[in-house]
PDB file of N, CA and C in Angstrom:
ATOM      1  N   MET A   1     -35.411  10.955 131.849  1.00  0.00           N
ATOM      2  CA  MET A   1     -36.839  10.956 131.664  1.00  0.00           C
ATOM      3  C   MET A   1     -37.565  11.337 133.001  1.00  0.00           C
ATOM      4  N   SER A   2     -37.016  10.897 134.142  1.00  0.00           N
ATOM      5  CA  SER A   2     -37.736  11.262 135.403  1.00  0.00           C
ATOM      6  C   SER A   2     -37.577  12.652 135.830  1.00  0.00           C
ATOM      7  N   HIS A   3     -36.611  13.449 135.409  1.00  0.00           N
ATOM      8  CA  HIS A   3     -36.512  14.859 135.669  1.00  0.00           C
ATOM      9  C   HIS A   3     -37.568  15.530 134.917  1.00  0.00           C
ATOM     10  N   LEU A   4     -37.878  15.030 133.713  1.00  0.00           N
ATOM     11  CA  LEU A   4     -39.008  15.754 132.921  1.00  0.00           C
ATOM     12  C   LEU A   4     -40.243  15.590 133.662  1.00  0.00           C
ATOM     13  N   ARG A   5     -40.582  14.618 134.525  1.00  0.00           N
ATOM     14  CA  ARG A   5     -41.886  14.398 135.211  1.00  0.00           C
ATOM     15  C   ARG A   5     -41.911  15.507 136.311  1.00  0.00           C
ATOM     16  N   ILE A   6     -40.925  15.935 136.759  1.00  0.00           N
ATOM     17  CA  ILE A   6     -40.910  16.939 137.779  1.00  0.00           C
ATOM     18  C   ILE A   6     -40.839  18.363 137.157  1.00  0.00           C
ATOM     19  N   THR A   7     -39.990  18.496 136.226  1.00  0.00           N
ATOM     20  CA  THR A   7     -39.768  19.807 135.639  1.00  0.00           C
ATOM     21  C   THR A   7     -41.043  20.380 134.851  1.00  0.00           C
ATOM     22  N   LEU A   8     -41.603  19.443 134.040  1.00  0.00           N
ATOM     23  CA  LEU A   8     -42.722  19.987 133.183  1.00  0.00           C
ATOM     24  C   LEU A   8     -43.826  20.545 133.997  1.00  0.00           C
ATOM     25  N   PRO A   9     -44.366  19.728 135.088  1.00  0.00           N
ATOM     26  CA  PRO A   9     -45.380  20.372 135.873  1.00  0.00           C
ATOM     27  C   PRO A   9     -45.016  21.617 136.653  1.00  0.00           C
ATOM     28  N   ALA A  10     -43.712  21.654 137.031  1.00  0.00           N
ATOM     29  CA  ALA A  10     -43.304  22.894 137.735  1.00  0.00           C
ATOM     30  C   ALA A  10     -43.298  24.037 136.840  1.00  0.00           C
ATOM     31  N   VAL A  11     -42.816  23.923 135.507  1.00  0.00           N
ATOM     32  CA  VAL A  11     -42.875  25.007 134.557  1.00  0.00           C
ATOM     33  C   VAL A  11     -44.311  25.360 134.240  1.00  0.00           C
ATOM     34  N   ILE A  12     -45.247  24.438 134.073  1.00  0.00           N
ATOM     35  CA  ILE A  12     -46.643  24.871 133.788  1.00  0.00           C
ATOM     36  C   ILE A  12     -47.188  25.599 135.019  1.00  0.00           C
ATOM     37  N   LEU A  13     -46.888  25.127 136.237  1.00  0.00           N
ATOM     38  CA  LEU A  13     -47.446  25.843 137.356  1.00  0.00           C
ATOM     39  C   LEU A  13     -46.799  27.224 137.545  1.00  0.00           C
ATOM     40  N   LEU A  14     -45.622  27.343 137.244  1.00  0.00           N
ATOM     41  CA  LEU A  14     -44.927  28.725 137.290  1.00  0.00           C
ATOM     42  C   LEU A  14     -45.609  29.615 136.175  1.00  0.00           C
ATOM     43  N   GLY A  15     -45.780  29.106 134.974  1.00  0.00           N
ATOM     44  CA  GLY A  15     -46.283  29.874 133.946  1.00  0.00           C
ATOM     45  C   GLY A  15     -47.782  30.211 134.300  1.00  0.00           C
ATOM     46  N   GLY A  16     -48.547  29.470 135.070  1.00  0.00           N
ATOM     47  CA  GLY A  16     -49.885  29.699 135.467  1.00  0.00           C
ATOM     48  C   GLY A  16     -49.831  30.918 136.455  1.00  0.00           C
ATOM     49  N   PHE A  17     -48.885  30.982 137.314  1.00  0.00           N
ATOM     50  CA  PHE A  17     -48.814  31.933 138.337  1.00  0.00           C
ATOM     51  C   PHE A  17     -48.493  33.321 137.613  1.00  0.00           C
ATOM     52  N   LEU A  18     -47.651  33.270 136.585  1.00  0.00           N
ATOM     53  CA  LEU A  18     -47.242  34.434 135.935  1.00  0.00           C
ATOM     54  C   LEU A  18     -48.429  35.005 135.160  1.00  0.00           C
ATOM     55  N   VAL A  19     -49.206  34.253 134.387  1.00  0.00           N
ATOM     56  CA  VAL A  19     -50.274  34.631 133.755  1.00  0.00           C
ATOM     57  C   VAL A  19     -51.549  35.139 134.641  1.00  0.00           C
ATOM     58  N   CYS A  20     -51.681  34.526 135.695  1.00  0.00           N
ATOM     59  CA  CYS A  20     -52.796  34.778 136.587  1.00  0.00           C
ATOM     60  C   CYS A  20     -52.556  35.979 137.542  1.00  0.00           C
ATOM     61  N   SER A  21     -51.377  36.352 137.659  1.00  0.00           N
ATOM     62  CA  SER A  21     -51.086  37.428 138.726  1.00  0.00           C
ATOM     63  C   SER A  21     -51.608  38.740 138.159  1.00  0.00           C
ATOM     64  N   THR A  22     -52.107  39.499 139.041  1.00  0.00           N
ATOM     65  CA  THR A  22     -52.746  40.787 138.583  1.00  0.00           C
ATOM     66  C   THR A  22     -51.609  41.993 138.723  1.00  0.00           C
ATOM     67  N   SER A  23     -51.730  42.911 137.941  1.00  0.00           N
ATOM     68  CA  SER A  23     -50.919  44.007 137.889  1.00  0.00           C
ATOM     69  C   SER A  23     -51.290  45.006 139.041  1.00  0.00           C
ATOM     70  N   SER A  24     -50.420  45.564 139.585  1.00  0.00           N
ATOM     71  CA  SER A  24     -50.635  46.503 140.721  1.00  0.00           C
ATOM     72  C   SER A  24     -50.443  47.976 140.226  1.00  0.00           C
ATOM     73  N   TYR A  25     -51.615  48.708 140.317  1.00  0.00           N
ATOM     74  CA  TYR A  25     -51.454  50.070 139.873  1.00  0.00           C
ATOM     75  C   TYR A  25     -51.091  51.070 141.009  1.00  0.00           C
ATOM     76  N   GLY A  26     -51.469  50.655 142.208  1.00  0.00           N
ATOM     77  CA  GLY A  26     -51.000  51.463 143.354  1.00  0.00           C
ATOM     78  C   GLY A  26     -49.517  51.035 143.737  1.00  0.00           C
ATOM     79  N   LYS A  27     -48.915  51.900 144.528  1.00  0.00           N
ATOM     80  CA  LYS A  27     -47.533  51.625 144.996  1.00  0.00           C
ATOM     81  C   LYS A  27     -47.396  51.566 146.433  1.00  0.00           C
ATOM     82  N   PRO A  28     -46.603  50.679 147.028  1.00  0.00           N
ATOM     83  CA  PRO A  28     -46.395  50.686 148.461  1.00  0.00           C
ATOM     84  C   PRO A  28     -46.006  52.071 149.066  1.00  0.00           C
ATOM     85  N   GLU A  29     -45.417  52.732 148.256  1.00  0.00           N
ATOM     86  CA  GLU A  29     -45.014  54.243 148.825  1.00  0.00           C
ATOM     87  C   GLU A  29     -46.296  55.127 149.069  1.00  0.00           C
ATOM     88  N   TYR A  30     -47.341  54.766 148.313  1.00  0.00           N
ATOM     89  CA  TYR A  30     -48.589  55.616 148.569  1.00  0.00           C
ATOM     90  C   TYR A  30     -49.080  55.279 149.912  1.00  0.00           C
ATOM     91  N   THR A  31     -49.157  54.003 150.281  1.00  0.00           N
ATOM     92  CA  THR A  31     -49.676  53.715 151.552  1.00  0.00           C
ATOM     93  C   THR A  31     -48.827  54.268 152.725  1.00  0.00           C
ATOM     94  N   LYS A  32     -47.479  54.217 152.470  1.00  0.00           N
ATOM     95  CA  LYS A  32     -46.646  54.829 153.465  1.00  0.00           C
ATOM     96  C   LYS A  32     -46.810  56.218 153.610  1.00  0.00           C
ATOM     97  N   GLN A  33     -46.906  56.996 152.421  1.00  0.00           N
ATOM     98  CA  GLN A  33     -47.075  58.420 152.409  1.00  0.00           C
ATOM     99  C   GLN A  33     -48.468  58.848 152.988  1.00  0.00           C
ATOM    100  N   THR A  34     -49.493  58.238 152.548  1.00  0.00           N
ATOM    101  CA  THR A  34     -50.885  58.652 153.160  1.00  0.00           C
ATOM    102  C   THR A  34     -51.287  58.031 154.356  1.00  0.00           C
ATOM    103  N   LYS A  35     -50.615  56.859 154.734  1.00  0.00           N
ATOM    104  CA  LYS A  35     -51.018  56.192 155.961  1.00  0.00           C
ATOM    105  C   LYS A  35     -52.510  55.681 155.838  1.00  0.00           C
ATOM    106  N   LYS A  36     -52.912  55.340 154.639  1.00  0.00           N
ATOM    107  CA  LYS A  36     -54.294  54.846 154.446  1.00  0.00           C
ATOM    108  C   LYS A  36     -54.201  53.425 153.717  1.00  0.00           C
ATOM    109  N   ALA A  37     -55.190  52.639 153.826  1.00  0.00           N
ATOM    110  CA  ALA A  37     -55.187  51.307 153.202  1.00  0.00           C
ATOM    111  C   ALA A  37     -55.519  51.636 151.664  1.00  0.00           C
ATOM    112  N   CYS A  38     -55.406  50.578 150.878  1.00  0.00           N
ATOM    113  CA  CYS A  38     -55.616  50.574 149.481  1.00  0.00           C
ATOM    114  C   CYS A  38     -57.223  50.976 149.252  1.00  0.00           C
ATOM    115  N   ALA A  39     -57.981  50.377 150.023  1.00  0.00           N
ATOM    116  CA  ALA A  39     -59.463  50.639 149.912  1.00  0.00           C
ATOM    117  C   ALA A  39     -59.889  52.105 150.010  1.00  0.00           C
ATOM    118  N   TYR A  40     -59.047  52.873 150.696  1.00  0.00           N
ATOM    119  CA  TYR A  40     -59.392  54.200 150.899  1.00  0.00           C
ATOM    120  C   TYR A  40     -59.526  54.944 149.509  1.00  0.00           C
ATOM    121  N   CYS A  41     -58.574  54.563 148.621  1.00  0.00           N
ATOM    122  CA  CYS A  41     -58.556  55.303 147.244  1.00  0.00           C
ATOM    123  C   CYS A  41     -59.184  54.421 146.235  1.00  0.00           C
ATOM    124  N   HIS A  42     -59.243  53.136 146.294  1.00  0.00           N
ATOM    125  CA  HIS A  42     -59.831  52.335 145.299  1.00  0.00           C
ATOM    126  C   HIS A  42     -61.040  51.667 145.641  1.00  0.00           C
ATOM    127  N   VAL A  43     -61.998  51.697 144.758  1.00  0.00           N
ATOM    128  CA  VAL A  43     -63.282  51.138 145.046  1.00  0.00           C
ATOM    129  C   VAL A  43     -63.171  49.648 145.416  1.00  0.00           C
ATOM    130  N   ASP A  44     -62.436  48.887 144.574  1.00  0.00           N
ATOM    131  CA  ASP A  44     -62.217  47.625 144.776  1.00  0.00           C
ATOM    132  C   ASP A  44     -60.908  47.100 144.160  1.00  0.00           C
ATOM    133  N   SER A  45     -59.845  47.062 144.963  1.00  0.00           N
ATOM    134  CA  SER A  45     -58.484  46.956 144.491  1.00  0.00           C
ATOM    135  C   SER A  45     -58.193  45.602 143.767  1.00  0.00           C
ATOM    136  N   LYS A  46     -59.094  44.687 143.922  1.00  0.00           N
ATOM    137  CA  LYS A  46     -58.870  43.378 143.144  1.00  0.00           C
ATOM    138  C   LYS A  46     -59.661  43.271 141.842  1.00  0.00           C
ATOM    139  N   ALA A  47     -60.952  43.569 141.872  1.00  0.00           N
ATOM    140  CA  ALA A  47     -61.805  43.534 140.642  1.00  0.00           C
ATOM    141  C   ALA A  47     -61.661  44.650 139.755  1.00  0.00           C
ATOM    142  N   LYS A  48     -61.581  45.900 140.393  1.00  0.00           N
ATOM    143  CA  LYS A  48     -61.564  47.099 139.529  1.00  0.00           C
ATOM    144  C   LYS A  48     -60.509  47.994 140.126  1.00  0.00           C
ATOM    145  N   PRO A  49     -59.187  47.685 139.974  1.00  0.00           N
ATOM    146  CA  PRO A  49     -58.084  48.470 140.545  1.00  0.00           C
ATOM    147  C   PRO A  49     -58.035  49.907 140.055  1.00  0.00           C
ATOM    148  N   LYS A  50     -58.427  50.144 138.845  1.00  0.00           N
ATOM    149  CA  LYS A  50     -58.375  51.553 138.257  1.00  0.00           C
ATOM    150  C   LYS A  50     -59.549  52.407 138.743  1.00  0.00           C
ATOM    151  N   GLU A  51     -60.658  51.833 139.294  1.00  0.00           N
ATOM    152  CA  GLU A  51     -61.812  52.663 139.658  1.00  0.00           C
ATOM    153  C   GLU A  51     -61.440  53.283 141.020  1.00  0.00           C
ATOM    154  N   LEU A  52     -61.417  54.584 141.076  1.00  0.00           N
ATOM    155  CA  LEU A  52     -61.076  55.237 142.243  1.00  0.00           C
ATOM    156  C   LEU A  52     -62.231  55.894 143.048  1.00  0.00           C
ATOM    157  N   THR A  53     -62.027  56.041 144.362  1.00  0.00           N
ATOM    158  CA  THR A  53     -62.972  56.752 145.153  1.00  0.00           C
ATOM    159  C   THR A  53     -62.826  58.159 145.089  1.00  0.00           C
ATOM    160  N   ASP A  54     -63.531  59.028 145.721  1.00  0.00           N
ATOM    161  CA  ASP A  54     -63.332  60.462 145.587  1.00  0.00           C
ATOM    162  C   ASP A  54     -61.975  60.800 146.226  1.00  0.00           C
ATOM    163  N   ALA A  55     -61.552  60.030 147.211  1.00  0.00           N
ATOM    164  CA  ALA A  55     -60.247  60.331 147.810  1.00  0.00           C
ATOM    165  C   ALA A  55     -59.094  59.994 146.764  1.00  0.00           C
ATOM    166  N   GLY A  56     -59.312  58.816 146.145  1.00  0.00           N
ATOM    167  CA  GLY A  56     -58.369  58.424 145.125  1.00  0.00           C
ATOM    168  C   GLY A  56     -58.214  59.470 144.008  1.00  0.00           C
ATOM    169  N   LYS A  57     -59.342  59.979 143.513  1.00  0.00           N
ATOM    170  CA  LYS A  57     -59.436  60.965 142.451  1.00  0.00           C
ATOM    171  C   LYS A  57     -58.715  62.233 142.820  1.00  0.00           C
ATOM    172  N   TYR A  58     -58.883  62.579 144.241  1.00  0.00           N
ATOM    173  CA  TYR A  58     -58.201  63.697 144.661  1.00  0.00           C
ATOM    174  C   TYR A  58     -56.694  63.503 144.839  1.00  0.00           C
ATOM    175  N   TYR A  59     -56.251  62.442 145.241  1.00  0.00           N
ATOM    176  CA  TYR A  59     -54.860  62.117 145.266  1.00  0.00           C
ATOM    177  C   TYR A  59     -54.295  62.009 143.895  1.00  0.00           C
ATOM    178  N   ALA A  60     -54.923  61.459 142.910  1.00  0.00           N
ATOM    179  CA  ALA A  60     -54.411  61.487 141.598  1.00  0.00           C
ATOM    180  C   ALA A  60     -54.263  62.852 140.874  1.00  0.00           C
ATOM    181  N   GLU A  61     -55.025  63.748 141.311  1.00  0.00           N
ATOM    182  CA  GLU A  61     -54.952  65.137 140.893  1.00  0.00           C
ATOM    183  C   GLU A  61     -53.995  66.019 141.597  1.00  0.00           C
ATOM    184  N   HIS A  62     -53.867  65.759 142.910  1.00  0.00           N
ATOM    185  CA  HIS A  62     -53.028  66.666 143.732  1.00  0.00           C
ATOM    186  C   HIS A  62     -51.821  65.955 144.253  1.00  0.00           C
ATOM    187  N   LYS A  63     -51.576  64.633 143.867  1.00  0.00           N
ATOM    188  CA  LYS A  63     -50.381  63.847 144.383  1.00  0.00           C
ATOM    189  C   LYS A  63     -50.276  63.951 145.939  1.00  0.00           C
ATOM    190  N   SER A  64     -51.284  64.188 146.543  1.00  0.00           N
ATOM    191  CA  SER A  64     -51.395  64.191 148.057  1.00  0.00           C
ATOM    192  C   SER A  64     -52.692  64.208 148.565  1.00  0.00           C
ATOM    193  N   LEU A  65     -52.958  63.867 149.869  1.00  0.00           N
ATOM    194  CA  LEU A  65     -54.305  63.880 150.395  1.00  0.00           C
ATOM    195  C   LEU A  65     -54.507  65.130 151.324  1.00  0.00           C
ATOM    196  N   ASP A  66     -53.371  66.022 151.346  1.00  0.00           N
ATOM    197  CA  ASP A  66     -53.518  67.188 152.170  1.00  0.00           C
ATOM    198  C   ASP A  66     -54.593  67.962 151.630  1.00  0.00           C
ATOM    199  N   GLY A  67     -55.497  68.565 152.502  1.00  0.00           N
ATOM    200  CA  GLY A  67     -56.623  69.329 152.222  1.00  0.00           C
ATOM    201  C   GLY A  67     -57.871  68.575 151.712  1.00  0.00           C
ATOM    202  N   TYR A  68     -57.805  67.187 151.608  1.00  0.00           N
ATOM    203  CA  TYR A  68     -58.929  66.419 151.253  1.00  0.00           C
ATOM    204  C   TYR A  68     -59.783  66.312 152.461  1.00  0.00           C
ATOM    205  N   GLN A  69     -61.112  66.476 152.127  1.00  0.00           N
ATOM    206  CA  GLN A  69     -62.127  66.411 153.264  1.00  0.00           C
ATOM    207  C   GLN A  69     -62.961  65.200 152.887  1.00  0.00           C
ATOM    208  N   ASP A  70     -63.118  64.277 153.915  1.00  0.00           N
ATOM    209  CA  ASP A  70     -63.937  63.106 153.722  1.00  0.00           C
ATOM    210  C   ASP A  70     -65.461  63.556 153.638  1.00  0.00           C
ATOM    211  N   LYS A  71     -66.204  62.924 152.737  1.00  0.00           N
ATOM    212  CA  LYS A  71     -67.621  63.212 152.664  1.00  0.00           C
ATOM    213  C   LYS A  71     -68.377  62.226 153.536  1.00  0.00           C
ATOM    214  N   LYS A  72     -69.147  62.715 154.503  1.00  0.00           N
ATOM    215  CA  LYS A  72     -69.762  61.883 155.465  1.00  0.00           C
ATOM    216  C   LYS A  72     -71.262  61.692 155.106  1.00  0.00           C
TER     217      LYS A  72
END
């Protein structure tokens, strides 16, 4: 019975982490390839990860930032 007191809360906690974790749409390879932070291509990587900046839209279309000009 004592192992249930430890196991049950641990299972509930683990389940909560699995349910609450967010999906990642970007990939670590993208930051290595472009040498840019996530925020360069994503408007808000936590709240709206699929909403892209102009740079992100360019990357999605061309699979590279080569030739992209920052708008100032």
